[in-house]
Amino acid sequence: MKTLNQNIHPATLLPIGVITETTQGSAVDSYLSDRPAYDSGLIDIAIGNLGDQTSTKVKIEESDASDFSSGVTVAKGGEEVTVAADTGYKMQIERKKRYFRAVVTITAGSTPSAEVYIGALLWDAQRPFPIT
């Protein structure tokens, strides 16, 4: 019998914290040893104080290489957005490659900083949810 947790996986792309420069989150592997790849996900972006920078942007990248050394593309639905202070955002992504990560780009400012959290809820949309 299937359970809901076979189709859903939570992940942290960038833990809660303050960054002071353009930051790339750790690679998240969408393959698990006993499960197929998750093909979609809902990305939750929480932005707090943005300091004095000119602009802060967030995007979701994907690659088949865990170090993102080649074949890096922007995940469909994870295109770069300019964010505002004290605002939450949602992105629904469709991924095609094994690894993905969040990238926060900070532009200019004398003392740039950004309070950020980016999490994900991944699911395998190809598999039906269990009927209870």
N, C-alpha and C. Protein backbone atom coordinates (compact mmCIF):
# COMPACT_ATOMS: atom_id res chain seq x y z
N MET A 1 0.83 -1.18 0.00
CA MET A 1 0.00 0.00 0.00
C MET A 1 0.88 1.25 0.00
N LYS A 2 0.57 2.18 -0.85
CA LYS A 2 1.33 3.42 -0.93
C LYS A 2 0.94 4.36 0.20
N THR A 3 1.92 5.15 0.63
CA THR A 3 1.64 6.18 1.61
C THR A 3 2.00 7.53 1.00
N LEU A 4 1.44 8.58 1.57
CA LEU A 4 1.65 9.92 1.03
C LEU A 4 3.13 10.29 1.01
N ASN A 5 3.90 9.85 2.02
CA ASN A 5 5.31 10.24 2.06
C ASN A 5 6.15 9.58 0.96
N GLN A 6 5.61 8.64 0.22
CA GLN A 6 6.34 8.09 -0.91
C GLN A 6 6.36 9.06 -2.09
N ASN A 7 5.45 10.00 -2.11
CA ASN A 7 5.35 10.95 -3.22
C ASN A 7 5.87 12.33 -2.88
N ILE A 8 6.08 12.65 -1.60
CA ILE A 8 6.41 14.01 -1.18
C ILE A 8 7.71 14.01 -0.37
N HIS A 9 8.53 15.05 -0.59
CA HIS A 9 9.80 15.18 0.11
C HIS A 9 10.09 16.65 0.40
N PRO A 10 10.22 17.05 1.67
CA PRO A 10 10.60 18.44 1.99
C PRO A 10 12.11 18.61 1.88
N ALA A 11 12.56 19.79 1.50
CA ALA A 11 13.99 20.08 1.38
C ALA A 11 14.24 21.55 1.70
N THR A 12 15.41 21.85 2.26
CA THR A 12 15.83 23.22 2.51
C THR A 12 16.87 23.59 1.46
N LEU A 13 16.58 24.63 0.67
CA LEU A 13 17.51 25.09 -0.35
C LEU A 13 18.49 26.11 0.20
N LEU A 14 18.01 26.96 1.10
CA LEU A 14 18.85 27.97 1.75
C LEU A 14 18.28 28.17 3.15
N PRO A 15 19.01 27.76 4.19
CA PRO A 15 18.47 27.88 5.55
C PRO A 15 18.28 29.33 5.96
N ILE A 16 17.45 29.55 6.96
CA ILE A 16 17.21 30.90 7.47
C ILE A 16 18.54 31.52 7.86
N GLY A 17 18.75 32.75 7.40
CA GLY A 17 19.99 33.43 7.75
C GLY A 17 20.10 34.76 7.03
N VAL A 18 21.17 35.45 7.32
CA VAL A 18 21.47 36.74 6.69
C VAL A 18 22.66 36.52 5.77
N ILE A 19 22.51 36.92 4.51
CA ILE A 19 23.61 36.84 3.56
C ILE A 19 24.04 38.26 3.20
N THR A 20 25.30 38.42 2.82
CA THR A 20 25.82 39.76 2.51
C THR A 20 26.38 39.84 1.10
N GLU A 21 26.26 38.75 0.35
CA GLU A 21 26.73 38.73 -1.04
C GLU A 21 25.91 37.70 -1.81
N THR A 22 26.06 37.70 -3.11
CA THR A 22 25.37 36.71 -3.92
C THR A 22 25.69 35.32 -3.38
N THR A 23 24.65 34.51 -3.18
CA THR A 23 24.80 33.21 -2.52
C THR A 23 24.11 32.11 -3.31
N GLN A 24 24.80 31.00 -3.45
CA GLN A 24 24.23 29.81 -4.07
C GLN A 24 23.99 28.78 -2.98
N GLY A 25 22.74 28.32 -2.86
CA GLY A 25 22.42 27.31 -1.87
C GLY A 25 23.08 25.98 -2.23
N SER A 26 23.07 25.06 -1.30
CA SER A 26 23.61 23.73 -1.54
C SER A 26 22.77 22.99 -2.56
N ALA A 27 23.39 22.09 -3.29
CA ALA A 27 22.67 21.27 -4.28
C ALA A 27 21.73 20.31 -3.55
N VAL A 28 20.50 20.22 -4.04
CA VAL A 28 19.53 19.26 -3.53
C VAL A 28 19.40 18.16 -4.57
N ASP A 29 19.61 16.92 -4.14
CA ASP A 29 19.52 15.77 -5.04
C ASP A 29 18.06 15.32 -5.09
N SER A 30 17.48 15.34 -6.27
CA SER A 30 16.06 14.97 -6.39
C SER A 30 15.87 13.47 -6.55
N TYR A 31 16.96 12.70 -6.53
CA TYR A 31 16.88 11.24 -6.56
C TYR A 31 17.14 10.74 -5.14
N LEU A 32 16.36 9.82 -4.70
CA LEU A 32 16.61 9.16 -3.42
C LEU A 32 16.91 7.71 -3.72
N SER A 33 17.67 7.06 -2.87
CA SER A 33 18.15 5.71 -3.16
C SER A 33 17.02 4.72 -3.45
N ASP A 34 15.90 4.87 -2.80
CA ASP A 34 14.83 3.90 -2.99
C ASP A 34 13.62 4.47 -3.72
N ARG A 35 13.78 5.64 -4.33
CA ARG A 35 12.64 6.27 -5.00
C ARG A 35 13.09 6.93 -6.30
N PRO A 36 12.17 7.12 -7.23
CA PRO A 36 12.50 7.82 -8.48
C PRO A 36 12.64 9.33 -8.22
N ALA A 37 13.07 10.04 -9.22
CA ALA A 37 13.24 11.49 -9.13
C ALA A 37 11.90 12.19 -8.91
N TYR A 38 11.95 13.26 -8.16
CA TYR A 38 10.77 14.10 -8.00
C TYR A 38 10.76 15.06 -9.18
N ASP A 39 9.65 15.13 -9.90
CA ASP A 39 9.62 15.92 -11.12
C ASP A 39 9.08 17.34 -10.94
N SER A 40 8.47 17.65 -9.81
CA SER A 40 7.90 18.97 -9.59
C SER A 40 8.15 19.38 -8.15
N GLY A 41 7.92 20.65 -7.90
CA GLY A 41 8.08 21.12 -6.54
C GLY A 41 7.48 22.49 -6.33
N LEU A 42 7.17 22.77 -5.09
CA LEU A 42 6.70 24.10 -4.70
C LEU A 42 7.81 24.71 -3.87
N ILE A 43 8.31 25.85 -4.32
CA ILE A 43 9.40 26.55 -3.64
C ILE A 43 8.80 27.66 -2.80
N ASP A 44 9.20 27.72 -1.53
CA ASP A 44 8.73 28.74 -0.59
C ASP A 44 9.89 29.67 -0.29
N ILE A 45 9.71 30.95 -0.62
CA ILE A 45 10.76 31.95 -0.42
C ILE A 45 10.27 32.97 0.59
N ALA A 46 11.02 33.16 1.67
CA ALA A 46 10.68 34.16 2.68
C ALA A 46 11.82 35.18 2.72
N ILE A 47 11.45 36.43 2.52
CA ILE A 47 12.42 37.53 2.51
C ILE A 47 12.12 38.46 3.68
N GLY A 48 13.14 38.79 4.45
CA GLY A 48 12.99 39.74 5.55
C GLY A 48 13.59 41.08 5.15
N ASN A 49 14.42 41.63 6.01
CA ASN A 49 15.08 42.91 5.76
C ASN A 49 16.06 42.77 4.60
N LEU A 50 16.11 43.77 3.73
CA LEU A 50 17.00 43.72 2.57
C LEU A 50 18.14 44.73 2.62
N GLY A 51 18.39 45.36 3.73
CA GLY A 51 19.53 46.27 3.80
C GLY A 51 19.42 47.40 2.79
N ASP A 52 20.56 47.82 2.25
CA ASP A 52 20.56 48.98 1.35
C ASP A 52 20.96 48.66 -0.09
N GLN A 53 20.92 47.40 -0.49
CA GLN A 53 21.33 47.07 -1.85
C GLN A 53 20.35 47.60 -2.89
N THR A 54 20.83 47.70 -4.12
CA THR A 54 20.03 48.18 -5.24
C THR A 54 18.94 47.19 -5.59
N SER A 55 19.28 45.89 -5.57
CA SER A 55 18.35 44.87 -6.02
C SER A 55 18.70 43.52 -5.43
N THR A 56 17.68 42.71 -5.16
CA THR A 56 17.89 41.32 -4.73
C THR A 56 17.01 40.44 -5.59
N LYS A 57 17.60 39.41 -6.18
CA LYS A 57 16.86 38.51 -7.07
C LYS A 57 17.06 37.07 -6.63
N VAL A 58 16.03 36.25 -6.88
CA VAL A 58 16.08 34.82 -6.54
C VAL A 58 15.71 34.02 -7.78
N LYS A 59 16.44 32.91 -8.00
CA LYS A 59 16.09 31.97 -9.07
C LYS A 59 16.43 30.56 -8.61
N ILE A 60 15.88 29.57 -9.31
CA ILE A 60 16.15 28.17 -9.03
C ILE A 60 16.85 27.58 -10.24
N GLU A 61 18.07 27.09 -10.03
CA GLU A 61 18.86 26.48 -11.10
C GLU A 61 18.83 24.97 -10.96
N GLU A 62 19.06 24.28 -12.09
CA GLU A 62 19.16 22.82 -12.06
C GLU A 62 20.32 22.37 -12.94
N SER A 63 20.86 21.18 -12.63
CA SER A 63 21.99 20.64 -13.37
C SER A 63 22.06 19.13 -13.14
N ASP A 64 22.73 18.44 -14.05
CA ASP A 64 22.98 17.01 -13.85
C ASP A 64 24.25 16.78 -13.06
N ALA A 65 25.03 17.84 -12.83
CA ALA A 65 26.27 17.74 -12.04
C ALA A 65 26.02 18.33 -10.65
N SER A 66 26.39 17.61 -9.61
CA SER A 66 26.13 18.06 -8.23
C SER A 66 26.87 19.35 -7.88
N ASP A 67 27.98 19.63 -8.61
CA ASP A 67 28.73 20.86 -8.35
C ASP A 67 28.34 21.98 -9.31
N PHE A 68 27.34 21.74 -10.15
CA PHE A 68 26.82 22.71 -11.11
C PHE A 68 27.92 23.23 -12.04
N SER A 69 28.87 22.35 -12.37
CA SER A 69 29.98 22.73 -13.23
C SER A 69 29.62 22.73 -14.71
N SER A 70 28.52 22.07 -15.09
CA SER A 70 28.13 22.05 -16.50
C SER A 70 26.63 21.84 -16.63
N GLY A 71 26.09 22.29 -17.74
CA GLY A 71 24.69 22.07 -18.04
C GLY A 71 23.73 22.75 -17.10
N VAL A 72 24.10 23.93 -16.56
CA VAL A 72 23.23 24.63 -15.62
C VAL A 72 22.14 25.38 -16.39
N THR A 73 20.90 25.15 -15.99
CA THR A 73 19.76 25.86 -16.57
C THR A 73 18.86 26.34 -15.45
N VAL A 74 17.95 27.24 -15.76
CA VAL A 74 16.97 27.69 -14.79
C VAL A 74 15.78 26.75 -14.87
N ALA A 75 15.34 26.25 -13.73
CA ALA A 75 14.21 25.32 -13.69
C ALA A 75 12.96 26.01 -14.21
N LYS A 76 12.16 25.30 -15.00
CA LYS A 76 10.91 25.87 -15.51
C LYS A 76 10.03 26.25 -14.31
N GLY A 77 9.62 27.51 -14.28
CA GLY A 77 8.86 28.03 -13.15
C GLY A 77 9.73 28.69 -12.11
N GLY A 78 11.06 28.50 -12.18
CA GLY A 78 11.98 29.07 -11.20
C GLY A 78 12.76 30.24 -11.74
N GLU A 79 12.19 30.91 -12.74
CA GLU A 79 12.87 32.04 -13.37
C GLU A 79 13.16 33.14 -12.33
N GLU A 80 14.20 33.89 -12.59
CA GLU A 80 14.64 34.93 -11.66
C GLU A 80 13.56 35.98 -11.42
N VAL A 81 13.33 36.28 -10.13
CA VAL A 81 12.38 37.33 -9.75
C VAL A 81 13.08 38.31 -8.82
N THR A 82 12.73 39.57 -8.95
CA THR A 82 13.23 40.60 -8.04
C THR A 82 12.32 40.60 -6.82
N VAL A 83 12.90 40.46 -5.63
CA VAL A 83 12.12 40.35 -4.41
C VAL A 83 12.11 41.66 -3.63
N ALA A 84 11.09 41.81 -2.80
CA ALA A 84 10.94 42.98 -1.94
C ALA A 84 11.07 42.55 -0.48
N ALA A 85 11.42 43.50 0.38
CA ALA A 85 11.59 43.21 1.79
C ALA A 85 10.28 42.76 2.42
N ASP A 86 10.39 41.91 3.44
CA ASP A 86 9.25 41.44 4.23
C ASP A 86 8.12 40.86 3.37
N THR A 87 8.51 40.02 2.42
CA THR A 87 7.54 39.44 1.48
C THR A 87 7.82 37.95 1.30
N GLY A 88 6.76 37.19 1.07
CA GLY A 88 6.88 35.77 0.78
C GLY A 88 6.53 35.51 -0.67
N TYR A 89 7.16 34.53 -1.27
CA TYR A 89 6.93 34.18 -2.67
C TYR A 89 6.80 32.67 -2.80
N LYS A 90 6.08 32.23 -3.81
CA LYS A 90 5.96 30.81 -4.13
C LYS A 90 6.31 30.63 -5.60
N MET A 91 7.04 29.57 -5.90
CA MET A 91 7.35 29.20 -7.28
C MET A 91 6.97 27.73 -7.44
N GLN A 92 6.26 27.39 -8.47
CA GLN A 92 6.01 25.99 -8.76
C GLN A 92 6.93 25.60 -9.91
N ILE A 93 7.87 24.71 -9.62
CA ILE A 93 8.87 24.35 -10.62
C ILE A 93 8.60 22.98 -11.22
N GLU A 94 9.05 22.83 -12.43
CA GLU A 94 9.07 21.53 -13.10
C GLU A 94 10.52 21.28 -13.44
N ARG A 95 11.10 20.24 -12.84
CA ARG A 95 12.51 20.03 -13.06
C ARG A 95 12.77 18.89 -14.03
N LYS A 96 13.89 19.03 -14.72
CA LYS A 96 14.29 18.03 -15.72
C LYS A 96 15.64 17.40 -15.38
N LYS A 97 16.40 18.03 -14.51
CA LYS A 97 17.74 17.54 -14.18
C LYS A 97 17.78 17.05 -12.74
N ARG A 98 18.83 16.33 -12.39
CA ARG A 98 18.88 15.66 -11.10
C ARG A 98 19.01 16.61 -9.91
N TYR A 99 19.87 17.61 -10.00
CA TYR A 99 20.16 18.50 -8.88
C TYR A 99 19.54 19.87 -9.11
N PHE A 100 19.16 20.53 -8.02
CA PHE A 100 18.72 21.92 -8.14
C PHE A 100 19.14 22.69 -6.90
N ARG A 101 19.17 24.00 -7.04
CA ARG A 101 19.59 24.89 -5.95
C ARG A 101 18.96 26.26 -6.13
N ALA A 102 18.95 27.01 -5.04
CA ALA A 102 18.49 28.40 -5.08
C ALA A 102 19.71 29.30 -5.22
N VAL A 103 19.54 30.39 -5.97
CA VAL A 103 20.58 31.40 -6.11
C VAL A 103 19.97 32.75 -5.77
N VAL A 104 20.57 33.44 -4.81
CA VAL A 104 20.13 34.78 -4.43
C VAL A 104 21.22 35.75 -4.88
N THR A 105 20.85 36.69 -5.74
CA THR A 105 21.79 37.66 -6.28
C THR A 105 21.55 39.02 -5.64
N ILE A 106 22.58 39.55 -5.01
CA ILE A 106 22.52 40.88 -4.40
C ILE A 106 23.33 41.83 -5.26
N THR A 107 22.73 42.97 -5.62
CA THR A 107 23.40 43.95 -6.47
C THR A 107 23.65 45.24 -5.70
N ALA A 108 24.91 45.66 -5.66
CA ALA A 108 25.38 46.95 -5.12
C ALA A 108 24.98 47.19 -3.67
N GLY A 109 25.18 48.43 -3.22
CA GLY A 109 24.89 48.84 -1.85
C GLY A 109 26.16 48.95 -1.04
N SER A 110 26.17 49.86 -0.06
CA SER A 110 27.35 50.06 0.75
C SER A 110 27.50 48.97 1.82
N THR A 111 26.41 48.50 2.37
CA THR A 111 26.42 47.39 3.33
C THR A 111 25.26 46.44 2.99
N PRO A 112 25.38 45.73 1.87
CA PRO A 112 24.28 44.87 1.45
C PRO A 112 24.06 43.70 2.41
N SER A 113 22.80 43.35 2.59
CA SER A 113 22.45 42.17 3.38
C SER A 113 21.03 41.77 3.02
N ALA A 114 20.73 40.52 3.24
CA ALA A 114 19.37 40.03 2.98
C ALA A 114 19.05 38.92 3.96
N GLU A 115 17.90 39.01 4.61
CA GLU A 115 17.40 37.93 5.45
C GLU A 115 16.58 37.02 4.53
N VAL A 116 16.97 35.75 4.45
CA VAL A 116 16.37 34.86 3.46
C VAL A 116 16.15 33.46 4.03
N TYR A 117 15.08 32.82 3.59
CA TYR A 117 14.87 31.39 3.78
C TYR A 117 14.23 30.86 2.49
N ILE A 118 14.74 29.74 1.97
CA ILE A 118 14.14 29.12 0.78
C ILE A 118 14.02 27.62 1.04
N GLY A 119 12.79 27.15 1.00
CA GLY A 119 12.52 25.73 1.21
C GLY A 119 11.75 25.18 0.02
N ALA A 120 11.60 23.86 -0.02
CA ALA A 120 10.89 23.23 -1.13
C ALA A 120 10.08 22.05 -0.63
N LEU A 121 8.99 21.81 -1.29
CA LEU A 121 8.20 20.61 -1.10
C LEU A 121 8.15 19.94 -2.46
N LEU A 122 8.89 18.83 -2.59
CA LEU A 122 9.00 18.14 -3.87
C LEU A 122 7.96 17.03 -3.94
N TRP A 123 7.49 16.76 -5.14
CA TRP A 123 6.59 15.63 -5.31
C TRP A 123 6.76 15.01 -6.67
N ASP A 124 6.36 13.77 -6.75
CA ASP A 124 6.41 13.01 -7.99
C ASP A 124 5.01 13.06 -8.59
N ALA A 125 4.77 14.02 -9.46
CA ALA A 125 3.44 14.22 -10.03
C ALA A 125 3.02 13.08 -10.94
N GLN A 126 3.97 12.26 -11.37
CA GLN A 126 3.64 11.13 -12.24
C GLN A 126 2.93 10.01 -11.47
N ARG A 127 3.14 9.98 -10.16
CA ARG A 127 2.55 8.93 -9.34
C ARG A 127 1.30 9.46 -8.68
N PRO A 128 0.23 8.74 -8.70
CA PRO A 128 -1.00 9.22 -8.07
C PRO A 128 -0.91 9.20 -6.55
N PHE A 129 -1.65 10.09 -5.93
CA PHE A 129 -1.74 10.06 -4.48
C PHE A 129 -2.57 8.85 -4.07
N PRO A 130 -2.32 8.28 -2.92
CA PRO A 130 -3.05 7.09 -2.50
C PRO A 130 -4.52 7.41 -2.22
N ILE A 131 -5.35 6.47 -2.48
CA ILE A 131 -6.78 6.61 -2.18
C ILE A 131 -7.01 5.99 -0.81
N THR A 132 -7.59 6.77 0.09
CA THR A 132 -7.82 6.25 1.45
C THR A 132 -9.29 6.06 1.71
